[in-house]
């Protein structure tokens, strides 16, 4: 604790020490960005047991969400334009400035923009970018978005039940407030999209043990459905309590999603013997159910130090022994893997270059299918227009 007790320092010494400490922090930040950039480039988060660089920063490096987001974004920009690291190390650019200019950097603009952002505050950088990359005026519209207190009015949706904290009600603003259209909102840079979460307007906020506040905006049709559900439930849910309705809706939705994802059912059909002509990659329903239960709906990859990947979204049923090498769709030969670790295992088996060409070929095939679908749709539209009789003149 004595290290952080500075009361004995004179004013002059304290001032010099503060400048030195901040300079050291800038240098260490640049070092951290360089390490993050290289670690991310090599995808070393995968063998460490994480599905993305963002997940590794949170779980492995114990960063906050904002800290991880800024450092990954700045590190990826620095990987493309290494001059950023020197500017950060010298205290000429802060991370917020780097993240703001990153989407606009290219070979033609990088030098000029980095110089223009030097020693500027975040607000000044925002203004500079608005001058250099002007956006169209926001249309003069009033969106039908009410405050939370209006959306959850106790005399309409849940009489006598709903209590809304003031800070949540103020988060949306009055119903007549002009809203920013989707096109005018800051967009996540393309290189970050695969691994960084995109913020949205929905919020889940812990209030107390096992109690959460949920905030989101619903459409008119969703509101109509909610009112209809309240009417159908009648006295089954006291005063149309929204929390109970929401939980009942989740209870109804979960079985459908589980059935689609891993063939969950309370009345499984008798197993049928597989035929030699069956698709070798097809995984029977009973195998998917057993594997999902055994692996507890979580990626099974473990790093060398024993860390198990915590990913539970976008899981894939993976053959332990590859199908190309004779693998079968049995419970003992199937496991759950997230996309990142499925790819890692494939690269270890077949080589990274082979898998890179496979991904390119798959993307080209998807693009060709999209093009064919668009051409078919266009041809159908033309045919429909030719077959539609012209309207009679008045």
Protein backbone atom coordinates (compact mmCIF):
# COMPACT_ATOMS: atom_id res chain seq x y z
CA UNK A 1 0.00 0.00 0.00
CA UNK A 2 2.93 2.39 0.60
CA UNK A 3 3.61 2.36 -3.15
CA UNK A 4 0.34 4.19 -3.74
CA UNK A 5 0.63 6.65 -0.89
CA UNK A 6 1.93 9.86 -2.46
CA UNK A 7 1.29 12.39 0.27
CA UNK A 8 5.00 12.78 0.91
CA UNK A 9 5.68 14.07 -2.63
CA UNK A 10 6.07 17.76 -3.27
CA UNK A 11 3.80 19.43 -5.82
CA UNK A 12 6.56 19.65 -8.42
CA UNK A 13 7.60 16.01 -8.00
CA UNK A 14 3.98 14.85 -8.10
CA UNK A 15 3.39 16.77 -11.34
CA UNK A 16 6.47 15.24 -13.00
CA UNK A 17 5.55 11.77 -11.73
CA UNK A 18 2.02 12.08 -13.10
CA UNK A 19 3.31 13.02 -16.55
CA UNK A 20 5.73 10.09 -16.46
CA UNK A 21 3.04 7.68 -15.31
CA UNK A 22 0.67 8.71 -18.10
CA UNK A 23 3.50 8.43 -20.65
CA UNK A 24 4.26 4.96 -19.36
CA UNK A 25 0.60 4.04 -19.60
CA UNK A 26 0.52 5.18 -23.24
CA UNK A 27 3.58 3.07 -24.03
CA UNK A 28 2.14 0.02 -22.27
CA UNK A 29 -1.17 0.52 -24.10
CA UNK A 30 0.64 0.48 -27.43
CA UNK A 31 2.48 -2.69 -26.37
CA UNK A 32 -0.83 -4.29 -25.37
CA UNK A 33 -2.38 -3.36 -28.74
CA UNK A 34 0.55 -4.90 -30.60
CA UNK A 35 0.18 -8.12 -28.61
CA UNK A 36 -3.61 -8.20 -29.09
CA UNK A 37 -3.20 -7.64 -32.84
CA UNK A 38 -0.71 -10.50 -33.26
CA UNK A 39 -2.60 -12.83 -30.90
CA UNK A 40 -5.82 -12.12 -32.82
CA UNK A 41 -4.11 -12.56 -36.19
CA UNK A 42 -2.85 -16.01 -35.19
CA UNK A 43 -6.23 -16.88 -33.66
CA UNK A 44 -4.48 -18.12 -30.56
CA UNK A 45 -7.68 -17.66 -28.58
CA UNK A 46 -8.88 -20.93 -30.12
CA UNK A 47 -6.27 -23.26 -28.61
CA UNK A 48 -6.69 -21.30 -25.36
CA UNK A 49 -10.31 -22.50 -25.27
CA UNK A 50 -12.23 -19.40 -26.43
CA UNK A 51 -14.44 -18.95 -29.45
CA UNK A 52 -13.33 -15.39 -30.30
CA UNK A 53 -10.78 -12.73 -29.40
CA UNK A 54 -13.54 -10.85 -27.61
CA UNK A 55 -14.38 -13.88 -25.48
CA UNK A 56 -10.69 -14.34 -24.65
CA UNK A 57 -10.34 -10.71 -23.58
CA UNK A 58 -13.31 -11.10 -21.25
CA UNK A 59 -12.60 -14.56 -19.85
CA UNK A 60 -8.85 -14.96 -20.25
CA UNK A 61 -7.64 -11.39 -19.71
CA UNK A 62 -10.54 -10.30 -17.49
CA UNK A 63 -11.21 -7.07 -19.36
CA UNK A 64 -14.51 -5.24 -19.22
CA UNK A 65 -16.72 -5.33 -22.30
CA UNK A 66 -15.87 -1.74 -23.29
CA UNK A 67 -12.16 -2.26 -22.67
CA UNK A 68 -12.11 -5.40 -24.82
CA UNK A 69 -14.11 -3.82 -27.64
CA UNK A 70 -11.86 -0.75 -27.89
CA UNK A 71 -8.61 -2.68 -27.73
CA UNK A 72 -9.62 -5.21 -30.35
CA UNK A 73 -10.88 -2.51 -32.69
CA UNK A 74 -7.74 -0.39 -32.20
CA UNK A 75 -5.46 -3.42 -32.52
CA UNK A 76 -7.03 -4.48 -35.82
CA UNK A 77 -6.68 -0.94 -37.15
CA UNK A 78 -3.02 -0.91 -36.01
CA UNK A 79 -2.41 -4.21 -37.78
CA UNK A 80 -3.40 -2.51 -41.03
CA UNK A 81 -1.65 0.79 -40.23
CA UNK A 82 1.26 0.23 -37.80
CA UNK A 83 1.85 3.99 -37.42
CA UNK A 84 -1.06 3.96 -34.98
CA UNK A 85 1.06 2.14 -32.41
CA UNK A 86 3.73 4.84 -32.42
CA UNK A 87 1.12 7.58 -32.10
CA UNK A 88 -0.54 5.82 -29.18
CA UNK A 89 2.81 5.13 -27.49
CA UNK A 90 3.72 8.82 -27.69
CA UNK A 91 0.37 9.91 -26.31
CA UNK A 92 -0.65 11.61 -29.56
CA UNK A 93 -3.73 9.39 -30.10
CA UNK A 94 -6.06 7.93 -27.49
CA UNK A 95 -8.02 4.73 -28.02
CA UNK A 96 -11.33 6.52 -28.56
CA UNK A 97 -9.80 8.52 -31.41
CA UNK A 98 -8.36 5.37 -32.99
CA UNK A 99 -11.74 3.61 -32.81
CA UNK A 100 -13.52 6.62 -34.33
CA UNK A 101 -11.19 7.02 -37.31
CA UNK A 102 -10.64 3.27 -37.89
CA UNK A 103 -13.68 2.77 -40.21
CA UNK A 104 -12.45 5.61 -42.44
CA UNK A 105 -8.82 4.53 -42.78
CA UNK A 106 -7.48 3.35 -46.11
CA UNK A 107 -4.22 3.69 -48.00
CA UNK A 108 -5.21 7.13 -49.28
CA UNK A 109 -6.64 8.66 -46.11
CA UNK A 110 -4.70 7.05 -43.25
CA UNK A 111 -1.80 9.48 -42.92
CA UNK A 112 -3.98 12.57 -43.17
CA UNK A 113 -6.66 11.33 -40.76
CA UNK A 114 -4.19 10.18 -38.13
CA UNK A 115 -2.46 13.55 -38.17
CA UNK A 116 -5.80 15.37 -38.06
CA UNK A 117 -6.88 13.34 -35.00
CA UNK A 118 -3.65 13.98 -33.09
CA UNK A 119 -4.13 15.49 -29.60
CA UNK A 120 -7.85 15.94 -30.20
CA UNK A 121 -10.59 15.10 -27.72
CA UNK A 122 -13.23 12.57 -28.63
CA UNK A 123 -15.75 15.35 -29.34
CA UNK A 124 -13.25 17.12 -31.59
CA UNK A 125 -12.54 13.93 -33.53
CA UNK A 126 -16.28 13.37 -34.03
CA UNK A 127 -16.60 16.92 -35.38
CA UNK A 128 -13.57 16.51 -37.64
CA UNK A 129 -14.99 13.30 -39.13
CA UNK A 130 -18.39 14.93 -39.66
CA UNK A 131 -16.69 17.70 -41.64
CA UNK A 132 -14.63 15.32 -43.75
CA UNK A 133 -17.30 12.63 -44.19
CA UNK A 134 -20.62 14.51 -44.09
CA UNK A 135 -23.77 12.49 -43.54
CA UNK A 136 -27.21 13.37 -44.96
CA UNK A 137 -29.53 15.38 -42.77
CA UNK A 138 -31.68 13.42 -40.38
CA UNK A 139 -35.23 13.34 -41.79
CA UNK A 140 -37.79 15.25 -39.77
CA UNK A 141 -39.83 12.38 -38.42
CA UNK A 142 -41.47 11.52 -35.15
CA UNK A 143 -41.36 7.83 -34.36
CA UNK A 144 -44.07 6.16 -32.35
CA UNK A 145 -41.83 5.21 -29.44
CA UNK A 146 -43.25 5.87 -26.00
CA UNK A 147 -41.48 6.00 -22.68
CA UNK A 148 -41.29 2.81 -20.70
CA UNK A 149 -43.74 4.22 -18.21
CA UNK A 150 -46.19 4.78 -21.06
CA UNK A 151 -45.51 1.40 -22.66
CA UNK A 152 -46.12 -0.35 -19.33
CA UNK A 153 -48.94 1.86 -18.15
CA UNK A 154 -50.59 0.30 -15.16
CA UNK A 155 -54.06 1.24 -16.35
CA UNK A 156 -53.59 -0.46 -19.75
CA UNK A 157 -51.26 -3.46 -19.65
CA UNK A 158 -50.72 -4.51 -16.07
CA UNK A 159 -52.90 -2.59 -13.60
CA UNK A 160 -51.47 -2.45 -10.11
CA UNK A 161 -48.45 -4.59 -10.96
CA UNK A 162 -45.80 -2.72 -12.93
CA UNK A 163 -43.30 -0.41 -11.23
CA UNK A 164 -40.76 1.21 -13.56
CA UNK A 165 -37.59 2.84 -12.20
CA UNK A 166 -37.19 6.47 -13.26
CA UNK A 167 -33.74 5.89 -14.75
CA UNK A 168 -35.17 3.28 -17.14
CA UNK A 169 -38.09 5.46 -18.12
CA UNK A 170 -35.72 8.32 -18.97
CA UNK A 171 -33.57 6.07 -21.15
CA UNK A 172 -35.99 6.22 -24.08
CA UNK A 173 -37.27 9.79 -23.86
CA UNK A 174 -40.63 11.38 -24.62
CA UNK A 175 -42.92 10.06 -27.31
CA UNK A 176 -42.44 13.16 -29.47
CA UNK A 177 -38.65 12.99 -29.51
CA UNK A 178 -37.17 12.77 -32.99
CA UNK A 179 -35.33 9.47 -33.32
CA UNK A 180 -32.15 8.77 -35.22
CA UNK A 181 -32.85 6.50 -38.22
CA UNK A 182 -30.96 3.27 -38.62
CA UNK A 183 -28.85 4.64 -41.48
CA UNK A 184 -27.57 7.53 -39.33
CA UNK A 185 -26.47 5.34 -36.43
CA UNK A 186 -22.77 4.43 -36.10
CA UNK A 187 -22.16 1.10 -37.78
CA UNK A 188 -19.75 -1.59 -36.63
CA UNK A 189 -16.74 -1.77 -38.96
CA UNK A 190 -16.86 -4.80 -41.22
CA UNK A 191 -13.65 -6.44 -39.94
CA UNK A 192 -15.07 -6.49 -36.40
CA UNK A 193 -18.49 -7.88 -37.21
CA UNK A 194 -17.71 -11.62 -36.91
CA UNK A 195 -16.30 -11.49 -33.39
CA UNK A 196 -17.58 -8.40 -31.61
CA UNK A 197 -21.14 -8.16 -30.35
CA UNK A 198 -23.31 -5.48 -31.91
CA UNK A 199 -25.01 -3.36 -29.27
CA UNK A 200 -28.78 -3.05 -29.49
CA UNK A 201 -31.53 -1.23 -27.66
CA UNK A 202 -32.61 -4.18 -25.58
CA UNK A 203 -31.42 -4.28 -21.99
CA UNK A 204 -31.43 -6.86 -19.23
CA UNK A 205 -30.40 -5.25 -15.95
CA UNK A 206 -29.91 -7.16 -12.67
CA UNK A 207 -31.91 -5.51 -9.88
CA UNK A 208 -31.68 -7.94 -6.97
CA UNK A 209 -30.91 -11.64 -6.39
CA UNK A 210 -32.82 -13.55 -9.11
CA UNK A 211 -34.61 -10.37 -10.21
CA UNK A 212 -34.01 -8.57 -13.53
CA UNK A 213 -35.42 -5.53 -15.32
CA UNK A 214 -36.04 -6.04 -19.05
CA UNK A 215 -36.38 -3.15 -21.48
CA UNK A 216 -37.05 -3.29 -25.21
CA UNK A 217 -39.14 -1.61 -27.88
CA UNK A 218 -41.89 -3.59 -29.59
CA UNK A 219 -43.70 -3.01 -32.85
CA UNK A 220 -47.39 -2.27 -33.16
CA UNK A 221 -48.10 -5.85 -34.24
CA UNK A 222 -46.20 -7.22 -31.22
CA UNK A 223 -48.16 -4.88 -28.94
CA UNK A 224 -51.42 -6.09 -30.48
CA UNK A 225 -50.38 -9.70 -29.92
CA UNK A 226 -49.49 -8.93 -26.32
CA UNK A 227 -52.87 -7.37 -25.68
CA UNK A 228 -54.56 -10.34 -27.35
CA UNK A 229 -52.62 -12.78 -25.14
CA UNK A 230 -53.67 -10.82 -22.05
CA UNK A 231 -57.28 -11.05 -23.14
CA UNK A 232 -57.02 -14.79 -23.83
CA UNK A 233 -55.41 -15.50 -20.48
CA UNK A 234 -58.07 -13.57 -18.62
CA UNK A 235 -57.89 -14.37 -14.92
CA UNK A 236 -55.19 -17.05 -15.36
CA UNK A 237 -52.55 -14.32 -15.01
CA UNK A 238 -53.31 -11.75 -12.35
CA UNK A 239 -53.91 -8.32 -13.90
CA UNK A 240 -52.18 -9.36 -17.14
CA UNK A 241 -48.78 -9.43 -15.42
CA UNK A 242 -46.14 -8.95 -18.14
CA UNK A 243 -43.43 -10.96 -16.40
CA UNK A 244 -45.68 -14.03 -16.18
CA UNK A 245 -46.76 -13.66 -19.81
CA UNK A 246 -43.14 -13.33 -20.93
CA UNK A 247 -42.13 -16.45 -19.00
CA UNK A 248 -45.06 -18.43 -20.41
CA UNK A 249 -44.06 -17.37 -23.91
CA UNK A 250 -40.49 -18.58 -23.29
CA UNK A 251 -41.81 -21.87 -21.91
CA UNK A 252 -43.74 -22.36 -25.15
CA UNK A 253 -40.85 -21.31 -27.41
CA UNK A 254 -38.02 -23.30 -25.82
CA UNK A 255 -39.38 -26.78 -26.73
CA UNK A 256 -39.74 -25.72 -30.37
CA UNK A 257 -36.16 -24.45 -30.53
CA UNK A 258 -34.79 -27.50 -28.69
CA UNK A 259 -36.61 -29.79 -31.10
CA UNK A 260 -35.12 -27.97 -34.07
CA UNK A 261 -31.62 -27.81 -32.58
CA UNK A 262 -31.12 -31.26 -31.12
CA UNK A 263 -34.34 -33.17 -31.79
CA UNK A 264 -35.63 -32.89 -28.22
CA UNK A 265 -38.89 -34.75 -27.64
CA UNK A 266 -40.78 -36.35 -24.80
CA UNK A 267 -41.89 -39.26 -27.02
CA UNK A 268 -38.91 -40.38 -29.15
CA UNK A 269 -39.69 -42.64 -32.08
CA UNK A 270 -38.23 -46.16 -32.26
CA UNK A 271 -34.77 -46.12 -33.79
CA UNK A 272 -34.49 -47.19 -37.39
CA UNK A 273 -31.53 -49.13 -38.68
CA UNK A 274 -29.29 -47.02 -40.89
CA UNK A 275 -29.01 -48.09 -44.51
CA UNK A 276 -25.73 -48.07 -46.45
CA UNK A 277 -27.17 -45.52 -48.86
CA UNK A 278 -27.92 -43.03 -46.09
CA UNK A 279 -26.06 -39.72 -46.09
CA UNK A 280 -22.82 -40.27 -44.14
CA UNK A 281 -23.06 -36.79 -42.65
CA UNK A 282 -26.62 -37.22 -41.41
CA UNK A 283 -26.83 -37.41 -37.62
CA UNK A 284 -29.88 -39.29 -36.34
CA UNK A 285 -32.21 -37.57 -33.89
CA UNK A 286 -31.43 -39.93 -31.01
CA UNK A 287 -27.71 -39.24 -31.42
CA UNK A 288 -28.24 -35.49 -31.37
CA UNK A 289 -30.35 -35.75 -28.22
CA UNK A 290 -27.81 -37.91 -26.42
CA UNK A 291 -24.82 -35.77 -27.44
CA UNK A 292 -26.53 -32.54 -26.44
CA UNK A 293 -27.43 -33.95 -23.05
CA UNK A 294 -23.97 -35.43 -22.46
CA UNK A 295 -22.14 -32.22 -23.49
CA UNK A 296 -24.66 -30.02 -21.63
CA UNK A 297 -25.23 -27.74 -24.61
CA UNK A 298 -21.68 -26.33 -24.51
CA UNK A 299 -18.62 -26.49 -26.74
CA UNK A 300 -16.44 -29.38 -25.59
CA UNK A 301 -13.05 -28.00 -26.63
CA UNK A 302 -10.49 -27.84 -23.83
CA UNK A 303 -7.19 -25.99 -23.92
CA UNK A 304 -3.91 -27.55 -22.81
CA UNK A 305 -4.38 -26.04 -19.35
CA UNK A 306 -7.87 -27.54 -19.06
CA UNK A 307 -10.02 -24.50 -19.83
CA UNK A 308 -13.25 -25.53 -21.53
CA UNK A 309 -14.71 -23.22 -24.15
CA UNK A 310 -17.78 -21.52 -22.70
CA UNK A 311 -19.56 -20.92 -26.01
CA UNK A 312 -23.20 -22.03 -26.11
CA UNK A 313 -24.37 -20.21 -29.25
CA UNK A 314 -24.05 -21.49 -32.80
CA UNK A 315 -22.92 -24.96 -31.73
CA UNK A 316 -22.29 -27.64 -34.33
CA UNK A 317 -22.35 -31.44 -34.15
CA UNK A 318 -18.79 -32.42 -35.00
CA UNK A 319 -17.41 -35.84 -35.96
CA UNK A 320 -14.45 -36.78 -33.77
CA UNK A 321 -13.17 -39.03 -36.56
CA UNK A 322 -13.82 -37.09 -39.76
CA UNK A 323 -16.39 -38.49 -42.20
CA UNK A 324 -13.72 -38.41 -44.90
CA UNK A 325 -11.72 -40.85 -42.75
CA UNK A 326 -14.57 -43.20 -41.96
CA UNK A 327 -16.22 -41.41 -39.02
CA UNK A 328 -19.74 -42.49 -38.11
CA UNK A 329 -22.71 -40.66 -36.65
CA UNK A 330 -22.67 -42.43 -33.29
CA UNK A 331 -22.93 -40.93 -29.81
CA UNK A 332 -19.30 -41.84 -29.08
CA UNK A 333 -18.06 -40.26 -32.31
CA UNK A 334 -20.05 -36.98 -32.17
CA UNK A 335 -19.36 -33.96 -29.97
CA UNK A 336 -20.47 -30.35 -29.68
CA UNK A 337 -18.12 -27.69 -30.99
CA UNK A 338 -18.49 -23.98 -31.64
CA UNK A 339 -17.63 -22.77 -35.14
CA UNK A 340 -14.20 -21.47 -34.12
CA UNK A 341 -13.06 -24.76 -32.59
CA UNK A 342 -14.66 -26.83 -35.32
CA UNK A 343 -12.53 -24.87 -37.78
CA UNK A 344 -9.45 -25.19 -35.58
CA UNK A 345 -9.78 -28.98 -35.51
CA UNK A 346 -10.28 -29.10 -39.28
CA UNK A 347 -7.16 -26.97 -39.83
CA UNK A 348 -5.14 -29.23 -37.55
CA UNK A 349 -6.33 -32.28 -39.49
CA UNK A 350 -6.31 -31.09 -43.10
CA UNK A 351 -4.07 -28.00 -42.92
CA UNK A 352 -4.95 -24.32 -42.77
CA UNK A 353 -4.31 -23.72 -46.48
CA UNK A 354 -6.61 -26.57 -47.50
CA UNK A 355 -9.37 -25.22 -45.25
CA UNK A 356 -8.85 -21.69 -46.56
CA UNK A 357 -9.49 -22.90 -50.11
CA UNK A 358 -12.52 -24.86 -48.88
CA UNK A 359 -13.97 -21.71 -47.30
CA UNK A 360 -13.35 -19.70 -50.46
CA UNK A 361 -15.05 -22.36 -52.56
CA UNK A 362 -18.00 -22.51 -50.17
CA UNK A 363 -18.41 -18.72 -50.28
CA UNK A 364 -18.27 -18.74 -54.08
CA UNK A 365 -20.93 -21.47 -54.14
CA UNK A 366 -23.15 -19.45 -51.81
CA UNK A 367 -22.70 -16.35 -53.97
CA UNK A 368 -23.63 -18.35 -57.07
CA UNK A 369 -26.77 -19.67 -55.36
CA UNK A 370 -27.75 -16.15 -54.33
CA UNK A 371 -27.21 -14.92 -57.88
CA UNK A 372 -29.34 -17.75 -59.31
CA UNK A 373 -32.08 -17.06 -56.78
CA UNK A 374 -32.04 -13.34 -57.63
CA UNK A 375 -32.18 -14.12 -61.36
CA UNK A 376 -35.09 -16.51 -60.83
CA UNK A 377 -36.92 -13.90 -58.78
CA UNK A 378 -36.32 -11.25 -61.42
CA UNK A 379 -37.56 -13.57 -64.17
CA UNK A 380 -40.65 -14.34 -62.12
CA UNK A 381 -41.34 -10.65 -61.63
CA UNK A 382 -41.05 -9.99 -65.37
CA UNK A 383 -43.36 -12.90 -66.15
CA UNK A 384 -45.88 -11.68 -63.60
CA UNK A 385 -45.78 -8.19 -65.08
CA UNK A 386 -46.39 -9.56 -68.60
CA UNK A 387 -49.32 -11.68 -67.46
CA UNK A 388 -50.99 -8.93 -65.44
CA UNK A 389 -53.62 -7.21 -67.63
CA UNK A 390 -53.31 -3.41 -67.81
CA UNK A 391 -55.84 -1.40 -65.84
CA UNK A 392 -58.70 -0.02 -67.84
CA UNK A 393 -58.49 3.70 -68.57
CA UNK A 394 -61.16 5.79 -66.82
